[in-house]
Amino acid sequence: NNNAAIERFPITADVGGVVTELMAEQGDYLERGMPIYEIANLD
């Protein structure tokens, strides 16, 4: 509809919970499948 490419694509959370480990930093170059966060459900 916009007839334009999105340059910065968002990564959304697959599950809800609490971030227990931060596994990447801003500016890191990641390959497909590399981890960014560890999220845990504490219920």
PDB file of all heavy atoms in Angstrom:
ATOM      1  N   ASN A   1       0.826  -1.207   0.000  1.00  0.00           N
ATOM      2  CA  ASN A   1       0.000   0.000   0.000  1.00  0.00           C
ATOM      3  C   ASN A   1       0.859   1.256   0.000  1.00  0.00           C
ATOM      4  O   ASN A   1       0.509   2.258  -0.652  1.00  0.00           O
ATOM      5  CB  ASN A   1      -0.932   0.017   1.211  1.00  0.00           C
ATOM      6  CG  ASN A   1      -1.994  -1.072   1.118  1.00  0.00           C
ATOM      7  OD1 ASN A   1      -2.340  -1.521   0.002  1.00  0.00           O
ATOM      8  ND2 ASN A   1      -2.511  -1.510   2.259  1.00  0.00           N
ATOM      9  N   ASN A   2       1.967   1.219   0.747  1.00  0.00           N
ATOM     10  CA  ASN A   2       2.847   2.390   0.816  1.00  0.00           C
ATOM     11  C   ASN A   2       3.789   2.450  -0.378  1.00  0.00           C
ATOM     12  O   ASN A   2       4.443   3.494  -0.615  1.00  0.00           O
ATOM     13  CB  ASN A   2       3.681   2.379   2.096  1.00  0.00           C
ATOM     14  CG  ASN A   2       2.809   2.559   3.334  1.00  0.00           C
ATOM     15  OD1 ASN A   2       1.762   3.224   3.270  1.00  0.00           O
ATOM     16  ND2 ASN A   2       3.248   1.986   4.456  1.00  0.00           N
ATOM     17  N   ASN A   3       3.899   1.315  -1.115  1.00  0.00           N
ATOM     18  CA  ASN A   3       4.788   1.237  -2.282  1.00  0.00           C
ATOM     19  C   ASN A   3       6.212   1.644  -1.913  1.00  0.00           C
ATOM     20  O   ASN A   3       6.903   2.311  -2.684  1.00  0.00           O
ATOM     21  CB  ASN A   3       4.258   2.103  -3.443  1.00  0.00           C
ATOM     22  CG  ASN A   3       4.880   1.715  -4.778  1.00  0.00           C
ATOM     23  OD1 ASN A   3       5.260   0.549  -4.986  1.00  0.00           O
ATOM     24  ND2 ASN A   3       5.006   2.674  -5.691  1.00  0.00           N
ATOM     25  N   ALA A   4       6.614   1.245  -0.670  1.00  0.00           N
ATOM     26  CA  ALA A   4       7.974   1.585  -0.213  1.00  0.00           C
ATOM     27  C   ALA A   4       8.442   0.506   0.760  1.00  0.00           C
ATOM     28  O   ALA A   4       7.653  -0.064   1.525  1.00  0.00           O
ATOM     29  CB  ALA A   4       7.994   2.942   0.462  1.00  0.00           C
ATOM     30  N   ALA A   5       9.746   0.256   0.748  1.00  0.00           N
ATOM     31  CA  ALA A   5      10.326  -0.767   1.643  1.00  0.00           C
ATOM     32  C   ALA A   5      10.507  -0.204   3.057  1.00  0.00           C
ATOM     33  O   ALA A   5      10.787   0.985   3.227  1.00  0.00           O
ATOM     34  CB  ALA A   5      11.659  -1.256   1.095  1.00  0.00           C
ATOM     35  N   ILE A   6      10.331  -1.065   4.044  1.00  0.00           N
ATOM     36  CA  ILE A   6      10.568  -0.682   5.444  1.00  0.00           C
ATOM     37  C   ILE A   6      12.037  -0.956   5.757  1.00  0.00           C
ATOM     38  O   ILE A   6      12.490  -2.094   5.680  1.00  0.00           O
ATOM     39  CB  ILE A   6       9.655  -1.478   6.387  1.00  0.00           C
ATOM     40  CG1 ILE A   6       8.180  -1.238   6.046  1.00  0.00           C
ATOM     41  CG2 ILE A   6       9.931  -1.105   7.844  1.00  0.00           C
ATOM     42  CD1 ILE A   6       7.225  -2.109   6.838  1.00  0.00           C
ATOM     43  N   GLU A   7      12.775   0.100   6.118  1.00  0.00           N
ATOM     44  CA  GLU A   7      14.214  -0.070   6.350  1.00  0.00           C
ATOM     45  C   GLU A   7      14.509  -0.663   7.731  1.00  0.00           C
ATOM     46  O   GLU A   7      15.395  -1.509   7.869  1.00  0.00           O
ATOM     47  CB  GLU A   7      14.921   1.279   6.186  1.00  0.00           C
ATOM     48  CG  GLU A   7      14.922   1.778   4.750  1.00  0.00           C
ATOM     49  CD  GLU A   7      15.807   3.002   4.582  1.00  0.00           C
ATOM     50  OE1 GLU A   7      16.353   3.491   5.603  1.00  0.00           O
ATOM     51  OE2 GLU A   7      15.955   3.449   3.437  1.00  0.00           O
ATOM     52  N   ARG A   8      13.840  -0.200   8.789  1.00  0.00           N
ATOM     53  CA  ARG A   8      14.061  -0.708  10.157  1.00  0.00           C
ATOM     54  C   ARG A   8      12.852  -1.553  10.552  1.00  0.00           C
ATOM     55  O   ARG A   8      11.780  -1.021  10.797  1.00  0.00           O
ATOM     56  CB  ARG A   8      14.270   0.426  11.138  1.00  0.00           C
ATOM     57  CG  ARG A   8      15.585   1.158  10.909  1.00  0.00           C
ATOM     58  CD  ARG A   8      15.708   2.374  11.816  1.00  0.00           C
ATOM     59  NE  ARG A   8      17.004   3.020  11.665  1.00  0.00           N
ATOM     60  CZ  ARG A   8      17.304   3.866  10.664  1.00  0.00           C
ATOM     61  NH1 ARG A   8      16.400   4.141   9.734  1.00  0.00           N
ATOM     62  NH2 ARG A   8      18.501   4.417  10.603  1.00  0.00           N
ATOM     63  N   PHE A   9      13.083  -2.830  10.575  1.00  0.00           N
ATOM     64  CA  PHE A   9      11.976  -3.751  10.803  1.00  0.00           C
ATOM     65  C   PHE A   9      11.884  -4.092  12.292  1.00  0.00           C
ATOM     66  O   PHE A   9      12.893  -4.378  12.930  1.00  0.00           O
ATOM     67  CB  PHE A   9      12.173  -5.021   9.981  1.00  0.00           C
ATOM     68  CG  PHE A   9      10.895  -5.516   9.412  1.00  0.00           C
ATOM     69  CD1 PHE A   9      10.454  -5.040   8.182  1.00  0.00           C
ATOM     70  CD2 PHE A   9      10.118  -6.426  10.112  1.00  0.00           C
ATOM     71  CE1 PHE A   9       9.257  -5.488   7.656  1.00  0.00           C
ATOM     72  CE2 PHE A   9       8.933  -6.878   9.579  1.00  0.00           C
ATOM     73  CZ  PHE A   9       8.487  -6.404   8.352  1.00  0.00           C
ATOM     74  N   PRO A  10      10.688  -4.099  12.898  1.00  0.00           N
ATOM     75  CA  PRO A  10      10.541  -4.396  14.334  1.00  0.00           C
ATOM     76  C   PRO A  10      10.617  -5.900  14.615  1.00  0.00           C
ATOM     77  O   PRO A  10      10.139  -6.715  13.832  1.00  0.00           O
ATOM     78  CB  PRO A  10       9.165  -3.842  14.668  1.00  0.00           C
ATOM     79  CG  PRO A  10       8.401  -3.961  13.376  1.00  0.00           C
ATOM     80  CD  PRO A  10       9.397  -3.732  12.279  1.00  0.00           C
ATOM     81  N   ILE A  11      11.238  -6.230  15.790  1.00  0.00           N
ATOM     82  CA  ILE A  11      11.231  -7.608  16.319  1.00  0.00           C
ATOM     83  C   ILE A  11      10.267  -7.628  17.495  1.00  0.00           C
ATOM     84  O   ILE A  11      10.440  -6.887  18.466  1.00  0.00           O
ATOM     85  CB  ILE A  11      12.624  -8.051  16.789  1.00  0.00           C
ATOM     86  CG1 ILE A  11      13.626  -7.988  15.626  1.00  0.00           C
ATOM     87  CG2 ILE A  11      12.582  -9.464  17.376  1.00  0.00           C
ATOM     88  CD1 ILE A  11      13.319  -8.926  14.491  1.00  0.00           C
ATOM     89  N   THR A  12       9.237  -8.462  17.412  1.00  0.00           N
ATOM     90  CA  THR A  12       8.216  -8.505  18.461  1.00  0.00           C
ATOM     91  C   THR A  12       8.385  -9.759  19.327  1.00  0.00           C
ATOM     92  O   THR A  12       8.931 -10.776  18.887  1.00  0.00           O
ATOM     93  CB  THR A  12       6.807  -8.495  17.847  1.00  0.00           C
ATOM     94  OG1 THR A  12       6.694  -9.606  16.951  1.00  0.00           O
ATOM     95  CG2 THR A  12       6.574  -7.197  17.077  1.00  0.00           C
ATOM     96  N   ALA A  13       7.897  -9.665  20.562  1.00  0.00           N
ATOM     97  CA  ALA A  13       8.027 -10.776  21.517  1.00  0.00           C
ATOM     98  C   ALA A  13       7.099 -11.919  21.127  1.00  0.00           C
ATOM     99  O   ALA A  13       5.902 -11.704  20.880  1.00  0.00           O
ATOM    100  CB  ALA A  13       7.698 -10.294  22.928  1.00  0.00           C
ATOM    101  N   ASP A  14       7.661 -13.115  21.071  1.00  0.00           N
ATOM    102  CA  ASP A  14       6.854 -14.299  20.759  1.00  0.00           C
ATOM    103  C   ASP A  14       6.045 -14.757  21.968  1.00  0.00           C
ATOM    104  O   ASP A  14       5.007 -15.408  21.804  1.00  0.00           O
ATOM    105  CB  ASP A  14       7.756 -15.437  20.296  1.00  0.00           C
ATOM    106  CG  ASP A  14       8.471 -15.100  18.978  1.00  0.00           C
ATOM    107  OD1 ASP A  14       7.949 -14.280  18.210  1.00  0.00           O
ATOM    108  OD2 ASP A  14       9.565 -15.662  18.743  1.00  0.00           O
ATOM    109  N   VAL A  15       6.534 -14.457  23.190  1.00  0.00           N
ATOM    110  CA  VAL A  15       5.839 -14.857  24.424  1.00  0.00           C
ATOM    111  C   VAL A  15       5.875 -13.698  25.401  1.00  0.00           C
ATOM    112  O   VAL A  15       6.668 -12.748  25.247  1.00  0.00           O
ATOM    113  CB  VAL A  15       6.509 -16.100  25.073  1.00  0.00           C
ATOM    114  CG1 VAL A  15       6.412 -17.318  24.173  1.00  0.00           C
ATOM    115  CG2 VAL A  15       7.949 -15.816  25.440  1.00  0.00           C
ATOM    116  N   GLY A  16       5.033 -13.767  26.407  1.00  0.00           N
ATOM    117  CA  GLY A  16       5.056 -12.778  27.478  1.00  0.00           C
ATOM    118  C   GLY A  16       5.809 -13.317  28.683  1.00  0.00           C
ATOM    119  O   GLY A  16       5.906 -14.532  28.886  1.00  0.00           O
ATOM    120  N   GLY A  17       6.364 -12.412  29.500  1.00  0.00           N
ATOM    121  CA  GLY A  17       7.096 -12.826  30.691  1.00  0.00           C
ATOM    122  C   GLY A  17       8.050 -11.758  31.167  1.00  0.00           C
ATOM    123  O   GLY A  17       7.816 -10.563  30.954  1.00  0.00           O
ATOM    124  N   VAL A  18       9.118 -12.200  31.808  1.00  0.00           N
ATOM    125  CA  VAL A  18      10.126 -11.293  32.347  1.00  0.00           C
ATOM    126  C   VAL A  18      11.449 -11.599  31.680  1.00  0.00           C
ATOM    127  O   VAL A  18      11.830 -12.765  31.523  1.00  0.00           O
ATOM    128  CB  VAL A  18      10.247 -11.457  33.879  1.00  0.00           C
ATOM    129  CG1 VAL A  18      11.399 -10.622  34.431  1.00  0.00           C
ATOM    130  CG2 VAL A  18       8.948 -11.052  34.554  1.00  0.00           C
ATOM    131  N   VAL A  19      12.152 -10.532  31.261  1.00  0.00           N
ATOM    132  CA  VAL A  19      13.464 -10.719  30.648  1.00  0.00           C
ATOM    133  C   VAL A  19      14.451 -11.146  31.732  1.00  0.00           C
ATOM    134  O   VAL A  19      14.693 -10.414  32.693  1.00  0.00           O
ATOM    135  CB  VAL A  19      13.939  -9.425  29.967  1.00  0.00           C
ATOM    136  CG1 VAL A  19      15.366  -9.595  29.434  1.00  0.00           C
ATOM    137  CG2 VAL A  19      12.996  -9.039  28.834  1.00  0.00           C
ATOM    138  N   THR A  20      15.005 -12.339  31.589  1.00  0.00           N
ATOM    139  CA  THR A  20      15.962 -12.836  32.582  1.00  0.00           C
ATOM    140  C   THR A  20      17.404 -12.721  32.106  1.00  0.00           C
ATOM    141  O   THR A  20      18.323 -12.817  32.921  1.00  0.00           O
ATOM    142  CB  THR A  20      15.664 -14.313  32.905  1.00  0.00           C
ATOM    143  OG1 THR A  20      15.718 -15.089  31.698  1.00  0.00           O
ATOM    144  CG2 THR A  20      14.298 -14.465  33.554  1.00  0.00           C
ATOM    145  N   GLU A  21      17.606 -12.496  30.805  1.00  0.00           N
ATOM    146  CA  GLU A  21      18.971 -12.326  30.308  1.00  0.00           C
ATOM    147  C   GLU A  21      18.949 -11.520  29.022  1.00  0.00           C
ATOM    148  O   GLU A  21      18.143 -11.771  28.128  1.00  0.00           O
ATOM    149  CB  GLU A  21      19.626 -13.683  30.056  1.00  0.00           C
ATOM    150  CG  GLU A  21      21.090 -13.569  29.681  1.00  0.00           C
ATOM    151  CD  GLU A  21      21.771 -14.908  29.508  1.00  0.00           C
ATOM    152  OE1 GLU A  21      21.102 -15.942  29.752  1.00  0.00           O
ATOM    153  OE2 GLU A  21      22.953 -14.934  29.112  1.00  0.00           O
ATOM    154  N   LEU A  22      19.827 -10.536  28.939  1.00  0.00           N
ATOM    155  CA  LEU A  22      20.011  -9.735  27.734  1.00  0.00           C
ATOM    156  C   LEU A  22      21.196 -10.309  26.978  1.00  0.00           C
ATOM    157  O   LEU A  22      22.320 -10.336  27.481  1.00  0.00           O
ATOM    158  CB  LEU A  22      20.278  -8.275  28.123  1.00  0.00           C
ATOM    159  CG  LEU A  22      20.319  -7.250  27.000  1.00  0.00           C
ATOM    160  CD1 LEU A  22      18.972  -7.160  26.295  1.00  0.00           C
ATOM    161  CD2 LEU A  22      20.712  -5.885  27.555  1.00  0.00           C
ATOM    162  N   MET A  23      20.963 -10.770  25.737  1.00  0.00           N
ATOM    163  CA  MET A  23      21.970 -11.553  25.032  1.00  0.00           C
ATOM    164  C   MET A  23      22.558 -10.837  23.816  1.00  0.00           C
ATOM    165  O   MET A  23      23.354 -11.404  23.067  1.00  0.00           O
ATOM    166  CB  MET A  23      21.359 -12.894  24.599  1.00  0.00           C
ATOM    167  CG  MET A  23      20.705 -13.633  25.759  1.00  0.00           C
ATOM    168  SD  MET A  23      19.904 -15.159  25.287  1.00  0.00           S
ATOM    169  CE  MET A  23      21.322 -16.228  25.096  1.00  0.00           C
ATOM    170  N   ALA A  24      22.178  -9.582  23.596  1.00  0.00           N
ATOM    171  CA  ALA A  24      22.734  -8.798  22.487  1.00  0.00           C
ATOM    172  C   ALA A  24      22.714  -7.319  22.869  1.00  0.00           C
ATOM    173  O   ALA A  24      21.954  -6.902  23.760  1.00  0.00           O
ATOM    174  CB  ALA A  24      21.956  -9.041  21.201  1.00  0.00           C
ATOM    175  N   GLU A  25      23.555  -6.536  22.198  1.00  0.00           N
ATOM    176  CA  GLU A  25      23.636  -5.107  22.455  1.00  0.00           C
ATOM    177  C   GLU A  25      23.290  -4.333  21.190  1.00  0.00           C
ATOM    178  O   GLU A  25      23.370  -4.851  20.062  1.00  0.00           O
ATOM    179  CB  GLU A  25      25.049  -4.732  22.921  1.00  0.00           C
ATOM    180  CG  GLU A  25      25.498  -5.396  24.216  1.00  0.00           C
ATOM    181  CD  GLU A  25      24.748  -4.884  25.429  1.00  0.00           C
ATOM    182  OE1 GLU A  25      24.146  -3.794  25.333  1.00  0.00           O
ATOM    183  OE2 GLU A  25      24.761  -5.567  26.476  1.00  0.00           O
ATOM    184  N   GLN A  26      22.910  -3.081  21.396  1.00  0.00           N
ATOM    185  CA  GLN A  26      22.598  -2.221  20.252  1.00  0.00           C
ATOM    186  C   GLN A  26      23.841  -2.059  19.386  1.00  0.00           C
ATOM    187  O   GLN A  26      24.939  -1.816  19.872  1.00  0.00           O
ATOM    188  CB  GLN A  26      22.116  -0.861  20.756  1.00  0.00           C
ATOM    189  CG  GLN A  26      21.603   0.044  19.628  1.00  0.00           C
ATOM    190  CD  GLN A  26      20.882   1.261  20.166  1.00  0.00           C
ATOM    191  OE1 GLN A  26      20.061   1.143  21.076  1.00  0.00           O
ATOM    192  NE2 GLN A  26      21.197   2.433  19.626  1.00  0.00           N
ATOM    193  N   GLY A  27      23.652  -2.214  18.055  1.00  0.00           N
ATOM    194  CA  GLY A  27      24.764  -2.123  17.115  1.00  0.00           C
ATOM    195  C   GLY A  27      25.321  -3.471  16.715  1.00  0.00           C
ATOM    196  O   GLY A  27      26.111  -3.552  15.753  1.00  0.00           O
ATOM    197  N   ASP A  28      24.929  -4.527  17.428  1.00  0.00           N
ATOM    198  CA  ASP A  28      25.408  -5.868  17.059  1.00  0.00           C
ATOM    199  C   ASP A  28      24.783  -6.301  15.732  1.00  0.00           C
ATOM    200  O   ASP A  28      23.617  -5.986  15.436  1.00  0.00           O
ATOM    201  CB  ASP A  28      25.041  -6.878  18.134  1.00  0.00           C
ATOM    202  CG  ASP A  28      25.854  -6.694  19.408  1.00  0.00           C
ATOM    203  OD1 ASP A  28      26.831  -5.925  19.379  1.00  0.00           O
ATOM    204  OD2 ASP A  28      25.501  -7.318  20.433  1.00  0.00           O
ATOM    205  N   TYR A  29      25.563  -6.991  14.932  1.00  0.00           N
ATOM    206  CA  TYR A  29      25.052  -7.573  13.696  1.00  0.00           C
ATOM    207  C   TYR A  29      24.746  -9.040  13.960  1.00  0.00           C
ATOM    208  O   TYR A  29      25.605  -9.800  14.408  1.00  0.00           O
ATOM    209  CB  TYR A  29      26.061  -7.454  12.546  1.00  0.00           C
ATOM    210  CG  TYR A  29      25.465  -7.845  11.223  1.00  0.00           C
ATOM    211  CD1 TYR A  29      24.835  -6.907  10.413  1.00  0.00           C
ATOM    212  CD2 TYR A  29      25.518  -9.168  10.792  1.00  0.00           C
ATOM    213  CE1 TYR A  29      24.276  -7.276   9.203  1.00  0.00           C
ATOM    214  CE2 TYR A  29      24.953  -9.549   9.581  1.00  0.00           C
ATOM    215  CZ  TYR A  29      24.330  -8.598   8.793  1.00  0.00           C
ATOM    216  OH  TYR A  29      23.754  -8.954   7.595  1.00  0.00           O
ATOM    217  N   LEU A  30      23.518  -9.429  13.713  1.00  0.00           N
ATOM    218  CA  LEU A  30      23.051 -10.778  14.036  1.00  0.00           C
ATOM    219  C   LEU A  30      22.687 -11.537  12.776  1.00  0.00           C
ATOM    220  O   LEU A  30      22.123 -10.989  11.832  1.00  0.00           O
ATOM    221  CB  LEU A  30      21.822 -10.713  14.955  1.00  0.00           C
ATOM    222  CG  LEU A  30      21.974  -9.929  16.262  1.00  0.00           C
ATOM    223  CD1 LEU A  30      20.659  -9.935  17.028  1.00  0.00           C
ATOM    224  CD2 LEU A  30      23.080 -10.518  17.117  1.00  0.00           C
ATOM    225  N   GLU A  31      23.033 -12.818  12.812  1.00  0.00           N
ATOM    226  CA  GLU A  31      22.568 -13.710  11.757  1.00  0.00           C
ATOM    227  C   GLU A  31      21.178 -14.214  12.130  1.00  0.00           C
ATOM    228  O   GLU A  31      20.734 -14.114  13.281  1.00  0.00           O
ATOM    229  CB  GLU A  31      23.531 -14.885  11.590  1.00  0.00           C
ATOM    230  CG  GLU A  31      24.918 -14.499  11.121  1.00  0.00           C
ATOM    231  CD  GLU A  31      24.929 -13.989   9.691  1.00  0.00           C
ATOM    232  OE1 GLU A  31      23.949 -14.282   8.950  1.00  0.00           O
ATOM    233  OE2 GLU A  31      25.884 -13.294   9.315  1.00  0.00           O
ATOM    234  N   ARG A  32      20.520 -14.758  11.172  1.00  0.00           N
ATOM    235  CA  ARG A  32      19.177 -15.267  11.391  1.00  0.00           C
ATOM    236  C   ARG A  32      19.219 -16.396  12.435  1.00  0.00           C
ATOM    237  O   ARG A  32      20.040 -17.308  12.345  1.00  0.00           O
ATOM    238  CB  ARG A  32      18.602 -15.780  10.077  1.00  0.00           C
ATOM    239  CG  ARG A  32      17.177 -16.272  10.189  1.00  0.00           C
ATOM    240  CD  ARG A  32      16.691 -16.733   8.829  1.00  0.00           C
ATOM    241  NE  ARG A  32      15.334 -17.226   8.891  1.00  0.00           N
ATOM    242  CZ  ARG A  32      14.670 -17.721   7.857  1.00  0.00           C
ATOM    243  NH1 ARG A  32      15.259 -17.778   6.667  1.00  0.00           N
ATOM    244  NH2 ARG A  32      13.440 -18.146   7.994  1.00  0.00           N
ATOM    245  N   GLY A  33      18.352 -16.321  13.465  1.00  0.00           N
ATOM    246  CA  GLY A  33      18.263 -17.345  14.508  1.00  0.00           C
ATOM    247  C   GLY A  33      19.125 -17.069  15.735  1.00  0.00           C
ATOM    248  O   GLY A  33      19.054 -17.830  16.716  1.00  0.00           O
ATOM    249  N   MET A  34      19.922 -15.993  15.718  1.00  0.00           N
ATOM    250  CA  MET A  34      20.762 -15.684  16.888  1.00  0.00           C
ATOM    251  C   MET A  34      19.899 -15.077  17.998  1.00  0.00           C
ATOM    252  O   MET A  34      18.966 -14.314  17.732  1.00  0.00           O
ATOM    253  CB  MET A  34      21.890 -14.734  16.496  1.00  0.00           C
ATOM    254  CG  MET A  34      22.923 -15.376  15.575  1.00  0.00           C
ATOM    255  SD  MET A  34      24.298 -14.269  15.152  1.00  0.00           S
ATOM    256  CE  MET A  34      25.075 -14.106  16.762  1.00  0.00           C
ATOM    257  N   PRO A  35      20.197 -15.394  19.288  1.00  0.00           N
ATOM    258  CA  PRO A  35      19.333 -14.944  20.394  1.00  0.00           C
ATOM    259  C   PRO A  35      19.546 -13.477  20.747  1.00  0.00           C
ATOM    260  O   PRO A  35      20.652 -12.947  20.636  1.00  0.00           O
ATOM    261  CB  PRO A  35      19.769 -15.847  21.549  1.00  0.00           C
ATOM    262  CG  PRO A  35      21.187 -16.190  21.251  1.00  0.00           C
ATOM    263  CD  PRO A  35      21.290 -16.263  19.750  1.00  0.00           C
ATOM    264  N   ILE A  36      18.459 -12.870  21.209  1.00  0.00           N
ATOM    265  CA  ILE A  36      18.517 -11.484  21.683  1.00  0.00           C
ATOM    266  C   ILE A  36      18.197 -11.435  23.180  1.00  0.00           C
ATOM    267  O   ILE A  36      18.896 -10.783  23.959  1.00  0.00           O
ATOM    268  CB  ILE A  36      17.526 -10.588  20.911  1.00  0.00           C
ATOM    269  CG1 ILE A  36      17.779 -10.695  19.410  1.00  0.00           C
ATOM    270  CG2 ILE A  36      17.645  -9.142  21.371  1.00  0.00           C
ATOM    271  CD1 ILE A  36      16.777  -9.918  18.585  1.00  0.00           C
ATOM    272  N   TYR A  37      17.137 -12.110  23.587  1.00  0.00           N
ATOM    273  CA  TYR A  37      16.702 -12.114  24.988  1.00  0.00           C
ATOM    274  C   TYR A  37      16.397 -13.539  25.436  1.00  0.00           C
ATOM    275  O   TYR A  37      16.132 -14.421  24.625  1.00  0.00           O
ATOM    276  CB  TYR A  37      15.407 -11.294  25.176  1.00  0.00           C
ATOM    277  CG  TYR A  37      15.469  -9.859  24.760  1.00  0.00           C
ATOM    278  CD1 TYR A  37      14.976  -9.466  23.515  1.00  0.00           C
ATOM    279  CD2 TYR A  37      15.981  -8.886  25.610  1.00  0.00           C
ATOM    280  CE1 TYR A  37      14.997  -8.143  23.118  1.00  0.00           C
ATOM    281  CE2 TYR A  37      16.008  -7.556  25.222  1.00  0.00           C
ATOM    282  CZ  TYR A  37      15.513  -7.194  23.976  1.00  0.00           C
ATOM    283  OH  TYR A  37      15.548  -5.876  23.596  1.00  0.00           O
ATOM    284  N   GLU A  38      16.390 -13.710  26.785  1.00  0.00           N
ATOM    285  CA  GLU A  38      15.791 -14.898  27.394  1.00  0.00           C
ATOM    286  C   GLU A  38      14.637 -14.412  28.239  1.00  0.00           C
ATOM    287  O   GLU A  38      14.797 -13.555  29.127  1.00  0.00           O
ATOM    288  CB  GLU A  38      16.803 -15.663  28.262  1.00  0.00           C
ATOM    289  CG  GLU A  38      16.252 -16.991  28.758  1.00  0.00           C
ATOM    290  CD  GLU A  38      17.302 -17.818  29.490  1.00  0.00           C
ATOM    291  OE1 GLU A  38      17.442 -17.621  30.723  1.00  0.00           O
ATOM    292  OE2 GLU A  38      17.986 -18.611  28.831  1.00  0.00           O
ATOM    293  N   ILE A  39      13.465 -14.952  27.971  1.00  0.00           N
ATOM    294  CA  ILE A  39      12.241 -14.502  28.635  1.00  0.00           C
ATOM    295  C   ILE A  39      11.647 -15.685  29.400  1.00  0.00           C
ATOM    296  O   ILE A  39      11.562 -16.796  28.869  1.00  0.00           O
ATOM    297  CB  ILE A  39      11.222 -13.961  27.607  1.00  0.00           C
ATOM    298  CG1 ILE A  39      11.849 -12.788  26.820  1.00  0.00           C
ATOM    299  CG2 ILE A  39       9.942 -13.521  28.283  1.00  0.00           C
ATOM    300  CD1 ILE A  39      10.996 -12.309  25.658  1.00  0.00           C
ATOM    301  N   ALA A  40      11.245 -15.424  30.641  1.00  0.00           N
ATOM    302  CA  ALA A  40      10.684 -16.489  31.472  1.00  0.00           C
ATOM    303  C   ALA A  40       9.345 -16.074  32.034  1.00  0.00           C
ATOM    304  O   ALA A  40       9.142 -14.912  32.413  1.00  0.00           O
ATOM    305  CB  ALA A  40      11.643 -16.831  32.621  1.00  0.00           C
ATOM    306  N   ASN A  41       8.447 -17.034  32.099  1.00  0.00           N
ATOM    307  CA  ASN A  41       7.157 -16.842  32.763  1.00  0.00           C
ATOM    308  C   ASN A  41       7.314 -17.276  34.215  1.00  0.00           C
ATOM    309  O   ASN A  41       7.595 -18.442  34.492  1.00  0.00           O
ATOM    310  CB  ASN A  41       6.087 -17.671  32.052  1.00  0.00           C
ATOM    311  CG  ASN A  41       4.698 -17.413  32.601  1.00  0.00           C
ATOM    312  OD1 ASN A  41       4.533 -16.869  33.689  1.00  0.00           O
ATOM    313  ND2 ASN A  41       3.689 -17.812  31.845  1.00  0.00           N
ATOM    314  N   LEU A  42       7.132 -16.364  35.171  1.00  0.00           N
ATOM    315  CA  LEU A  42       7.376 -16.642  36.584  1.00  0.00           C
ATOM    316  C   LEU A  42       6.118 -17.046  37.331  1.00  0.00           C
ATOM    317  O   LEU A  42       6.111 -17.072  38.568  1.00  0.00           O
ATOM    318  CB  LEU A  42       8.006 -15.407  37.256  1.00  0.00           C
ATOM    319  CG  LEU A  42       9.314 -14.906  36.627  1.00  0.00           C
ATOM    320  CD1 LEU A  42       9.875 -13.739  37.424  1.00  0.00           C
ATOM    321  CD2 LEU A  42      10.330 -16.028  36.518  1.00  0.00           C
ATOM    322  N   ASP A  43       5.035 -17.360  36.619  1.00  0.00           N
ATOM    323  CA  ASP A  43       3.817 -17.822  37.294  1.00  0.00           C
ATOM    324  C   ASP A  43       4.032 -19.204  37.922  1.00  0.00           C
ATOM    325  O   ASP A  43       3.359 -19.570  38.877  1.00  0.00           O
ATOM    326  CB  ASP A  43       2.650 -17.876  36.315  1.00  0.00           C
ATOM    327  CG  ASP A  43       2.218 -16.485  35.865  1.00  0.00           C
ATOM    328  OD1 ASP A  43       2.596 -15.509  36.543  1.00  0.00           O
ATOM    329  OD2 ASP A  43       1.527 -16.374  34.836  1.00  0.00           O
TER     330      ASP A  43
END
